[in-house]
């Protein structure tokens, strides 16, 4: 029998791994290059947007992690991760 927290941690790590490989990995970069007539500009824009998003969210998330209990922030982050992965998958199916 696996502890409930361990189970949910493994589930979230699985979703995170899938989302990270699609979003930040070479699969998405190759997909963008193919859909833009072999131009790298779209890859650069996406990587730039990714960096800006990380920059803009790092301080607020750090503040929330210090102000509220860690378990609540991890739970909210897990829900946000699942929703983001689903939205990203839906966009890829819609575009592709």
PDB file of N, CA and C in Angstrom:
ATOM      1  N   UNK A   1       0.842  -1.181   0.000  1.00  0.00           N
ATOM      2  CA  UNK A   1       0.000   0.000   0.000  1.00  0.00           C
ATOM      3  C   UNK A   1       0.892   1.251   0.000  1.00  0.00           C
ATOM      4  N   UNK A   2       0.583   2.161  -0.885  1.00  0.00           N
ATOM      5  CA  UNK A   2       1.364   3.391  -1.021  1.00  0.00           C
ATOM      6  C   UNK A   2       0.648   4.519  -0.293  1.00  0.00           C
ATOM      7  N   UNK A   3       1.417   5.333   0.386  1.00  0.00           N
ATOM      8  CA  UNK A   3       0.874   6.498   1.070  1.00  0.00           C
ATOM      9  C   UNK A   3       0.165   7.398   0.057  1.00  0.00           C
ATOM     10  N   UNK A   4      -0.923   8.021   0.481  1.00  0.00           N
ATOM     11  CA  UNK A   4      -1.714   8.865  -0.417  1.00  0.00           C
ATOM     12  C   UNK A   4      -0.880  10.016  -0.983  1.00  0.00           C
ATOM     13  N   UNK A   5      -0.059  10.642  -0.148  1.00  0.00           N
ATOM     14  CA  UNK A   5       0.768  11.755  -0.628  1.00  0.00           C
ATOM     15  C   UNK A   5       1.815  11.291  -1.634  1.00  0.00           C
ATOM     16  N   UNK A   6       2.364  10.111  -1.403  1.00  0.00           N
ATOM     17  CA  UNK A   6       3.338   9.565  -2.348  1.00  0.00           C
ATOM     18  C   UNK A   6       2.664   9.287  -3.688  1.00  0.00           C
ATOM     19  N   UNK A   7       1.459   8.727  -3.640  1.00  0.00           N
ATOM     20  CA  UNK A   7       0.717   8.442  -4.871  1.00  0.00           C
ATOM     21  C   UNK A   7       0.477   9.715  -5.670  1.00  0.00           C
ATOM     22  N   UNK A   8      -0.035  10.750  -5.007  1.00  0.00           N
ATOM     23  CA  UNK A   8      -0.330  11.995  -5.722  1.00  0.00           C
ATOM     24  C   UNK A   8       0.939  12.689  -6.192  1.00  0.00           C
ATOM     25  N   UNK A   9       2.018  12.553  -5.448  1.00  0.00           N
ATOM     26  CA  UNK A   9       3.287  13.109  -5.895  1.00  0.00           C
ATOM     27  C   UNK A   9       3.761  12.429  -7.174  1.00  0.00           C
ATOM     28  N   UNK A  10       3.605  11.115  -7.242  1.00  0.00           N
ATOM     29  CA  UNK A  10       3.987  10.387  -8.456  1.00  0.00           C
ATOM     30  C   UNK A  10       3.105  10.762  -9.641  1.00  0.00           C
ATOM     31  N   UNK A  11       1.804  10.935  -9.390  1.00  0.00           N
ATOM     32  CA  UNK A  11       0.887  11.346 -10.463  1.00  0.00           C
ATOM     33  C   UNK A  11       1.280  12.722 -10.987  1.00  0.00           C
ATOM     34  N   UNK A  12       1.536  13.671 -10.081  1.00  0.00           N
ATOM     35  CA  UNK A  12       1.909  15.022 -10.506  1.00  0.00           C
ATOM     36  C   UNK A  12       3.259  15.039 -11.220  1.00  0.00           C
ATOM     37  N   UNK A  13       4.196  14.240 -10.758  1.00  0.00           N
ATOM     38  CA  UNK A  13       5.496  14.169 -11.443  1.00  0.00           C
ATOM     39  C   UNK A  13       5.345  13.613 -12.850  1.00  0.00           C
ATOM     40  N   UNK A  14       4.430  12.664 -13.015  1.00  0.00           N
ATOM     41  CA  UNK A  14       4.180  12.118 -14.350  1.00  0.00           C
ATOM     42  C   UNK A  14       3.628  13.191 -15.272  1.00  0.00           C
ATOM     43  N   UNK A  15       2.597  13.917 -14.804  1.00  0.00           N
ATOM     44  CA  UNK A  15       2.034  14.987 -15.623  1.00  0.00           C
ATOM     45  C   UNK A  15       3.057  16.083 -15.890  1.00  0.00           C
ATOM     46  N   UNK A  16       3.859  16.401 -14.883  1.00  0.00           N
ATOM     47  CA  UNK A  16       4.874  17.429 -15.076  1.00  0.00           C
ATOM     48  C   UNK A  16       5.902  16.995 -16.116  1.00  0.00           C
ATOM     49  N   UNK A  17       6.312  15.752 -16.035  1.00  0.00           N
ATOM     50  CA  UNK A  17       7.277  15.247 -17.008  1.00  0.00           C
ATOM     51  C   UNK A  17       6.733  15.286 -18.422  1.00  0.00           C
ATOM     52  N   UNK A  18       5.479  14.890 -18.590  1.00  0.00           N
ATOM     53  CA  UNK A  18       4.864  14.929 -19.922  1.00  0.00           C
ATOM     54  C   UNK A  18       4.752  16.366 -20.432  1.00  0.00           C
ATOM     55  N   UNK A  19       4.253  17.244 -19.583  1.00  0.00           N
ATOM     56  CA  UNK A  19       4.070  18.635 -19.993  1.00  0.00           C
ATOM     57  C   UNK A  19       5.409  19.304 -20.280  1.00  0.00           C
ATOM     58  N   UNK A  20       6.397  19.033 -19.443  1.00  0.00           N
ATOM     59  CA  UNK A  20       7.703  19.654 -19.633  1.00  0.00           C
ATOM     60  C   UNK A  20       8.364  19.176 -20.918  1.00  0.00           C
ATOM     61  N   UNK A  21       8.240  17.896 -21.202  1.00  0.00           N
ATOM     62  CA  UNK A  21       8.834  17.384 -22.433  1.00  0.00           C
ATOM     63  C   UNK A  21       8.138  17.929 -23.673  1.00  0.00           C
ATOM     64  N   UNK A  22       6.848  18.141 -23.598  1.00  0.00           N
ATOM     65  CA  UNK A  22       6.140  18.706 -24.748  1.00  0.00           C
ATOM     66  C   UNK A  22       6.403  20.197 -24.885  1.00  0.00           C
ATOM     67  N   UNK A  23       6.379  20.909 -23.779  1.00  0.00           N
ATOM     68  CA  UNK A  23       6.485  22.353 -23.846  1.00  0.00           C
ATOM     69  C   UNK A  23       7.922  22.812 -24.044  1.00  0.00           C
ATOM     70  N   UNK A  24       8.825  22.320 -23.218  1.00  0.00           N
ATOM     71  CA  UNK A  24      10.193  22.830 -23.252  1.00  0.00           C
ATOM     72  C   UNK A  24      11.145  21.914 -24.000  1.00  0.00           C
ATOM     73  N   UNK A  25      10.686  20.766 -24.390  1.00  0.00           N
ATOM     74  CA  UNK A  25      11.571  19.815 -25.039  1.00  0.00           C
ATOM     75  C   UNK A  25      11.691  20.043 -26.531  1.00  0.00           C
ATOM     76  N   UNK A  26      12.436  19.178 -27.141  1.00  0.00           N
ATOM     77  CA  UNK A  26      12.696  19.314 -28.567  1.00  0.00           C
ATOM     78  C   UNK A  26      11.480  18.968 -29.418  1.00  0.00           C
ATOM     79  N   UNK A  27      10.526  18.249 -28.847  1.00  0.00           N
ATOM     80  CA  UNK A  27       9.334  17.892 -29.623  1.00  0.00           C
ATOM     81  C   UNK A  27       8.569  19.149 -30.014  1.00  0.00           C
ATOM     82  N   UNK A  28       8.351  20.039 -29.074  1.00  0.00           N
ATOM     83  CA  UNK A  28       7.597  21.255 -29.363  1.00  0.00           C
ATOM     84  C   UNK A  28       8.385  22.199 -30.261  1.00  0.00           C
ATOM     85  N   UNK A  29       9.692  22.290 -30.036  1.00  0.00           N
ATOM     86  CA  UNK A  29      10.527  23.152 -30.897  1.00  0.00           C
ATOM     87  C   UNK A  29      10.509  22.648 -32.331  1.00  0.00           C
ATOM     88  N   UNK A  30      10.612  21.345 -32.506  1.00  0.00           N
ATOM     89  CA  UNK A  30      10.559  20.776 -33.859  1.00  0.00           C
ATOM     90  C   UNK A  30       9.187  20.995 -34.484  1.00  0.00           C
ATOM     91  N   UNK A  31       8.143  20.851 -33.687  1.00  0.00           N
ATOM     92  CA  UNK A  31       6.784  21.079 -34.179  1.00  0.00           C
ATOM     93  C   UNK A  31       6.611  22.524 -34.655  1.00  0.00           C
ATOM     94  N   UNK A  32       7.116  23.470 -33.881  1.00  0.00           N
ATOM     95  CA  UNK A  32       7.014  24.878 -34.282  1.00  0.00           C
ATOM     96  C   UNK A  32       7.808  25.155 -35.555  1.00  0.00           C
ATOM     97  N   UNK A  33       8.970  24.565 -35.658  1.00  0.00           N
ATOM     98  CA  UNK A  33       9.785  24.794 -36.847  1.00  0.00           C
ATOM     99  C   UNK A  33       9.116  24.205 -38.093  1.00  0.00           C
ATOM    100  N   UNK A  34       8.535  23.028 -37.962  1.00  0.00           N
ATOM    101  CA  UNK A  34       7.869  22.395 -39.102  1.00  0.00           C
ATOM    102  C   UNK A  34       6.643  23.179 -39.536  1.00  0.00           C
ATOM    103  N   UNK A  35       5.859  23.657 -38.570  1.00  0.00           N
ATOM    104  CA  UNK A  35       4.629  24.382 -38.914  1.00  0.00           C
ATOM    105  C   UNK A  35       4.886  25.799 -39.401  1.00  0.00           C
ATOM    106  N   UNK A  36       6.123  26.295 -39.254  1.00  0.00           N
ATOM    107  CA  UNK A  36       6.459  27.644 -39.710  1.00  0.00           C
ATOM    108  C   UNK A  36       7.458  27.624 -40.859  1.00  0.00           C
ATOM    109  N   UNK A  37       7.313  26.676 -41.757  1.00  0.00           N
ATOM    110  CA  UNK A  37       8.148  26.588 -42.961  1.00  0.00           C
ATOM    111  C   UNK A  37       9.637  26.600 -42.646  1.00  0.00           C
ATOM    112  N   UNK A  38      10.029  25.827 -41.646  1.00  0.00           N
ATOM    113  CA  UNK A  38      11.428  25.666 -41.257  1.00  0.00           C
ATOM    114  C   UNK A  38      12.117  26.963 -40.850  1.00  0.00           C
ATOM    115  N   UNK A  39      11.366  27.881 -40.239  1.00  0.00           N
ATOM    116  CA  UNK A  39      11.945  29.100 -39.686  1.00  0.00           C
ATOM    117  C   UNK A  39      12.046  28.958 -38.176  1.00  0.00           C
ATOM    118  N   UNK A  40      13.124  29.443 -37.609  1.00  0.00           N
ATOM    119  CA  UNK A  40      13.349  29.329 -36.172  1.00  0.00           C
ATOM    120  C   UNK A  40      12.737  30.472 -35.370  1.00  0.00           C
ATOM    121  N   UNK A  41      12.146  31.446 -36.000  1.00  0.00           N
ATOM    122  CA  UNK A  41      11.645  32.611 -35.271  1.00  0.00           C
ATOM    123  C   UNK A  41      10.567  32.230 -34.262  1.00  0.00           C
ATOM    124  N   UNK A  42       9.681  31.308 -34.616  1.00  0.00           N
ATOM    125  CA  UNK A  42       8.622  30.903 -33.684  1.00  0.00           C
ATOM    126  C   UNK A  42       9.213  30.237 -32.442  1.00  0.00           C
ATOM    127  N   UNK A  43      10.258  29.465 -32.629  1.00  0.00           N
ATOM    128  CA  UNK A  43      10.915  28.819 -31.490  1.00  0.00           C
ATOM    129  C   UNK A  43      11.493  29.888 -30.560  1.00  0.00           C
ATOM    130  N   UNK A  44      12.104  30.896 -31.121  1.00  0.00           N
ATOM    131  CA  UNK A  44      12.652  31.985 -30.310  1.00  0.00           C
ATOM    132  C   UNK A  44      11.584  32.740 -29.554  1.00  0.00           C
ATOM    133  N   UNK A  45      10.454  33.009 -30.192  1.00  0.00           N
ATOM    134  CA  UNK A  45       9.360  33.702 -29.510  1.00  0.00           C
ATOM    135  C   UNK A  45       8.814  32.880 -28.353  1.00  0.00           C
ATOM    136  N   UNK A  46       8.650  31.590 -28.570  1.00  0.00           N
ATOM    137  CA  UNK A  46       8.121  30.731 -27.514  1.00  0.00           C
ATOM    138  C   UNK A  46       9.108  30.629 -26.353  1.00  0.00           C
ATOM    139  N   UNK A  47      10.381  30.485 -26.657  1.00  0.00           N
ATOM    140  CA  UNK A  47      11.382  30.424 -25.588  1.00  0.00           C
ATOM    141  C   UNK A  47      11.445  31.751 -24.828  1.00  0.00           C
ATOM    142  N   UNK A  48      11.319  32.859 -25.538  1.00  0.00           N
ATOM    143  CA  UNK A  48      11.282  34.159 -24.870  1.00  0.00           C
ATOM    144  C   UNK A  48      10.073  34.312 -23.980  1.00  0.00           C
ATOM    145  N   UNK A  49       8.910  33.890 -24.465  1.00  0.00           N
ATOM    146  CA  UNK A  49       7.693  33.950 -23.650  1.00  0.00           C
ATOM    147  C   UNK A  49       7.809  33.053 -22.427  1.00  0.00           C
ATOM    148  N   UNK A  50       8.450  31.900 -22.593  1.00  0.00           N
ATOM    149  CA  UNK A  50       8.655  30.996 -21.467  1.00  0.00           C
ATOM    150  C   UNK A  50       9.540  31.655 -20.403  1.00  0.00           C
ATOM    151  N   UNK A  51      10.595  32.306 -20.821  1.00  0.00           N
ATOM    152  CA  UNK A  51      11.473  32.997 -19.878  1.00  0.00           C
ATOM    153  C   UNK A  51      10.776  34.143 -19.166  1.00  0.00           C
ATOM    154  N   UNK A  52      10.001  34.920 -19.900  1.00  0.00           N
ATOM    155  CA  UNK A  52       9.271  36.036 -19.292  1.00  0.00           C
ATOM    156  C   UNK A  52       8.233  35.519 -18.300  1.00  0.00           C
ATOM    157  N   UNK A  53       7.535  34.436 -18.644  1.00  0.00           N
ATOM    158  CA  UNK A  53       6.543  33.862 -17.731  1.00  0.00           C
ATOM    159  C   UNK A  53       7.218  33.378 -16.446  1.00  0.00           C
ATOM    160  N   UNK A  54       8.380  32.750 -16.569  1.00  0.00           N
ATOM    161  CA  UNK A  54       9.105  32.303 -15.376  1.00  0.00           C
ATOM    162  C   UNK A  54       9.545  33.490 -14.525  1.00  0.00           C
ATOM    163  N   UNK A  55       9.989  34.545 -15.180  1.00  0.00           N
ATOM    164  CA  UNK A  55      10.427  35.742 -14.472  1.00  0.00           C
ATOM    165  C   UNK A  55       9.270  36.398 -13.718  1.00  0.00           C
ATOM    166  N   UNK A  56       8.124  36.516 -14.370  1.00  0.00           N
ATOM    167  CA  UNK A  56       6.983  37.196 -13.770  1.00  0.00           C
ATOM    168  C   UNK A  56       6.295  36.388 -12.674  1.00  0.00           C
ATOM    169  N   UNK A  57       6.439  35.082 -12.678  1.00  0.00           N
ATOM    170  CA  UNK A  57       5.761  34.262 -11.676  1.00  0.00           C
ATOM    171  C   UNK A  57       6.657  33.830 -10.525  1.00  0.00           C
ATOM    172  N   UNK A  58       7.973  33.947 -10.654  1.00  0.00           N
ATOM    173  CA  UNK A  58       8.873  33.451  -9.613  1.00  0.00           C
ATOM    174  C   UNK A  58       8.683  34.182  -8.283  1.00  0.00           C
ATOM    175  N   UNK A  59       8.650  35.490  -8.299  1.00  0.00           N
ATOM    176  CA  UNK A  59       8.532  36.250  -7.056  1.00  0.00           C
ATOM    177  C   UNK A  59       7.158  36.086  -6.408  1.00  0.00           C
ATOM    178  N   UNK A  60       6.039  36.204  -7.151  1.00  0.00           N
ATOM    179  CA  UNK A  60       4.742  35.991  -6.495  1.00  0.00           C
ATOM    180  C   UNK A  60       4.578  34.577  -5.923  1.00  0.00           C
ATOM    181  N   UNK A  61       5.053  33.582  -6.630  1.00  0.00           N
ATOM    182  CA  UNK A  61       4.935  32.207  -6.119  1.00  0.00           C
ATOM    183  C   UNK A  61       5.815  32.030  -4.883  1.00  0.00           C
ATOM    184  N   UNK A  62       7.000  32.589  -4.886  1.00  0.00           N
ATOM    185  CA  UNK A  62       7.854  32.537  -3.697  1.00  0.00           C
ATOM    186  C   UNK A  62       7.220  33.219  -2.509  1.00  0.00           C
ATOM    187  N   UNK A  63       6.585  34.354  -2.742  1.00  0.00           N
ATOM    188  CA  UNK A  63       5.888  35.068  -1.670  1.00  0.00           C
ATOM    189  C   UNK A  63       4.741  34.227  -1.107  1.00  0.00           C
ATOM    190  N   UNK A  64       3.936  33.645  -2.000  1.00  0.00           N
ATOM    191  CA  UNK A  64       2.824  32.810  -1.549  1.00  0.00           C
ATOM    192  C   UNK A  64       3.318  31.587  -0.785  1.00  0.00           C
ATOM    193  N   UNK A  65       4.427  31.012  -1.224  1.00  0.00           N
ATOM    194  CA  UNK A  65       4.979  29.840  -0.543  1.00  0.00           C
ATOM    195  C   UNK A  65       5.452  30.191   0.865  1.00  0.00           C
ATOM    196  N   UNK A  66       5.917  31.421   1.062  1.00  0.00           N
ATOM    197  CA  UNK A  66       6.333  31.847   2.400  1.00  0.00           C
ATOM    198  C   UNK A  66       5.151  32.230   3.281  1.00  0.00           C
ATOM    199  N   UNK A  67       4.086  32.736   2.677  1.00  0.00           N
ATOM    200  CA  UNK A  67       2.951  33.248   3.453  1.00  0.00           C
ATOM    201  C   UNK A  67       1.956  32.161   3.848  1.00  0.00           C
ATOM    202  N   UNK A  68       1.712  31.195   2.984  1.00  0.00           N
ATOM    203  CA  UNK A  68       0.693  30.169   3.216  1.00  0.00           C
ATOM    204  C   UNK A  68       1.345  28.816   3.455  1.00  0.00           C
ATOM    205  N   UNK A  69       0.585  27.879   4.010  1.00  0.00           N
ATOM    206  CA  UNK A  69       1.159  26.544   4.253  1.00  0.00           C
ATOM    207  C   UNK A  69       1.619  25.875   2.955  1.00  0.00           C
ATOM    208  N   UNK A  70       2.711  25.175   3.073  1.00  0.00           N
ATOM    209  CA  UNK A  70       3.320  24.539   1.905  1.00  0.00           C
ATOM    210  C   UNK A  70       2.368  23.553   1.234  1.00  0.00           C
ATOM    211  N   UNK A  71       1.614  22.814   2.022  1.00  0.00           N
ATOM    212  CA  UNK A  71       0.714  21.812   1.447  1.00  0.00           C
ATOM    213  C   UNK A  71      -0.357  22.460   0.569  1.00  0.00           C
ATOM    214  N   UNK A  72      -0.848  23.608   0.961  1.00  0.00           N
ATOM    215  CA  UNK A  72      -1.860  24.303   0.156  1.00  0.00           C
ATOM    216  C   UNK A  72      -1.275  24.805  -1.164  1.00  0.00           C
ATOM    217  N   UNK A  73      -0.074  25.355  -1.103  1.00  0.00           N
ATOM    218  CA  UNK A  73       0.573  25.863  -2.316  1.00  0.00           C
ATOM    219  C   UNK A  73       0.901  24.711  -3.271  1.00  0.00           C
ATOM    220  N   UNK A  74       1.369  23.595  -2.729  1.00  0.00           N
ATOM    221  CA  UNK A  74       1.658  22.438  -3.576  1.00  0.00           C
ATOM    222  C   UNK A  74       0.379  21.916  -4.214  1.00  0.00           C
ATOM    223  N   UNK A  75      -0.716  21.890  -3.464  1.00  0.00           N
ATOM    224  CA  UNK A  75      -1.998  21.426  -4.004  1.00  0.00           C
ATOM    225  C   UNK A  75      -2.471  22.339  -5.134  1.00  0.00           C
ATOM    226  N   UNK A  76      -2.405  23.632  -4.920  1.00  0.00           N
ATOM    227  CA  UNK A  76      -2.812  24.589  -5.955  1.00  0.00           C
ATOM    228  C   UNK A  76      -1.903  24.458  -7.178  1.00  0.00           C
ATOM    229  N   UNK A  77      -0.603  24.312  -6.946  1.00  0.00           N
ATOM    230  CA  UNK A  77       0.327  24.131  -8.058  1.00  0.00           C
ATOM    231  C   UNK A  77       0.050  22.859  -8.841  1.00  0.00           C
ATOM    232  N   UNK A  78      -0.334  21.807  -8.138  1.00  0.00           N
ATOM    233  CA  UNK A  78      -0.665  20.554  -8.816  1.00  0.00           C
ATOM    234  C   UNK A  78      -1.893  20.692  -9.689  1.00  0.00           C
ATOM    235  N   UNK A  79      -2.906  21.364  -9.173  1.00  0.00           N
ATOM    236  CA  UNK A  79      -4.121  21.599  -9.966  1.00  0.00           C
ATOM    237  C   UNK A  79      -3.798  22.477 -11.176  1.00  0.00           C
ATOM    238  N   UNK A  80      -3.007  23.522 -10.959  1.00  0.00           N
ATOM    239  CA  UNK A  80      -2.620  24.400 -12.072  1.00  0.00           C
ATOM    240  C   UNK A  80      -1.809  23.637 -13.115  1.00  0.00           C
ATOM    241  N   UNK A  81      -0.952  22.740 -12.672  1.00  0.00           N
ATOM    242  CA  UNK A  81      -0.158  21.940 -13.600  1.00  0.00           C
ATOM    243  C   UNK A  81      -1.036  21.041 -14.457  1.00  0.00           C
ATOM    244  N   UNK A  82      -1.996  20.390 -13.832  1.00  0.00           N
ATOM    245  CA  UNK A  82      -2.900  19.515 -14.581  1.00  0.00           C
ATOM    246  C   UNK A  82      -3.732  20.318 -15.576  1.00  0.00           C
ATOM    247  N   UNK A  83      -4.264  21.462 -15.157  1.00  0.00           N
ATOM    248  CA  UNK A  83      -5.054  22.300 -16.061  1.00  0.00           C
ATOM    249  C   UNK A  83      -4.214  22.829 -17.218  1.00  0.00           C
ATOM    250  N   UNK A  84      -2.980  23.214 -16.930  1.00  0.00           N
ATOM    251  CA  UNK A  84      -2.097  23.709 -17.972  1.00  0.00           C
ATOM    252  C   UNK A  84      -1.751  22.613 -18.970  1.00  0.00           C
ATOM    253  N   UNK A  85      -1.480  21.418 -18.474  1.00  0.00           N
ATOM    254  CA  UNK A  85      -1.165  20.303 -19.367  1.00  0.00           C
ATOM    255  C   UNK A  85      -2.360  19.979 -20.262  1.00  0.00           C
ATOM    256  N   UNK A  86      -3.564  20.009 -19.694  1.00  0.00           N
ATOM    257  CA  UNK A  86      -4.768  19.745 -20.494  1.00  0.00           C
ATOM    258  C   UNK A  86      -4.983  20.840 -21.537  1.00  0.00           C
ATOM    259  N   UNK A  87      -4.782  22.090 -21.142  1.00  0.00           N
ATOM    260  CA  UNK A  87      -4.952  23.200 -22.086  1.00  0.00           C
ATOM    261  C   UNK A  87      -3.917  23.120 -23.202  1.00  0.00           C
ATOM    262  N   UNK A  88      -2.693  22.787 -22.860  1.00  0.00           N
ATOM    263  CA  UNK A  88      -1.642  22.684 -23.866  1.00  0.00           C
ATOM    264  C   UNK A  88      -1.941  21.553 -24.843  1.00  0.00           C
ATOM    265  N   UNK A  89      -2.414  20.436 -24.324  1.00  0.00           N
ATOM    266  CA  UNK A  89      -2.779  19.316 -25.183  1.00  0.00           C
ATOM    267  C   UNK A  89      -3.925  19.705 -26.110  1.00  0.00           C
ATOM    268  N   UNK A  90      -4.913  20.415 -25.578  1.00  0.00           N
ATOM    269  CA  UNK A  90      -6.048  20.846 -26.409  1.00  0.00           C
ATOM    270  C   UNK A  90      -5.586  21.804 -27.508  1.00  0.00           C
ATOM    271  N   UNK A  91      -4.678  22.701 -27.196  1.00  0.00           N
ATOM    272  CA  UNK A  91      -4.163  23.626 -28.211  1.00  0.00           C
ATOM    273  C   UNK A  91      -3.409  22.867 -29.292  1.00  0.00           C
ATOM    274  N   UNK A  92      -2.609  21.897 -28.898  1.00  0.00           N
ATOM    275  CA  UNK A  92      -1.868  21.116 -29.910  1.00  0.00           C
ATOM    276  C   UNK A  92      -2.831  20.338 -30.822  1.00  0.00           C
ATOM    277  N   UNK A  93      -3.884  19.772 -30.248  1.00  0.00           N
ATOM    278  CA  UNK A  93      -4.856  19.064 -31.088  1.00  0.00           C
ATOM    279  C   UNK A  93      -5.605  20.032 -31.988  1.00  0.00           C
ATOM    280  N   UNK A  94      -5.908  21.230 -31.499  1.00  0.00           N
ATOM    281  CA  UNK A  94      -6.637  22.214 -32.304  1.00  0.00           C
ATOM    282  C   UNK A  94      -5.773  22.732 -33.446  1.00  0.00           C
ATOM    283  N   UNK A  95      -4.507  23.031 -33.148  1.00  0.00           N
ATOM    284  CA  UNK A  95      -3.616  23.571 -34.162  1.00  0.00           C
ATOM    285  C   UNK A  95      -3.164  22.491 -35.130  1.00  0.00           C
ATOM    286  N   UNK A  96      -2.815  21.327 -34.588  1.00  0.00           N
ATOM    287  CA  UNK A  96      -2.240  20.288 -35.428  1.00  0.00           C
ATOM    288  C   UNK A  96      -3.275  19.422 -36.055  1.00  0.00           C
TER     289      UNK A  96
END
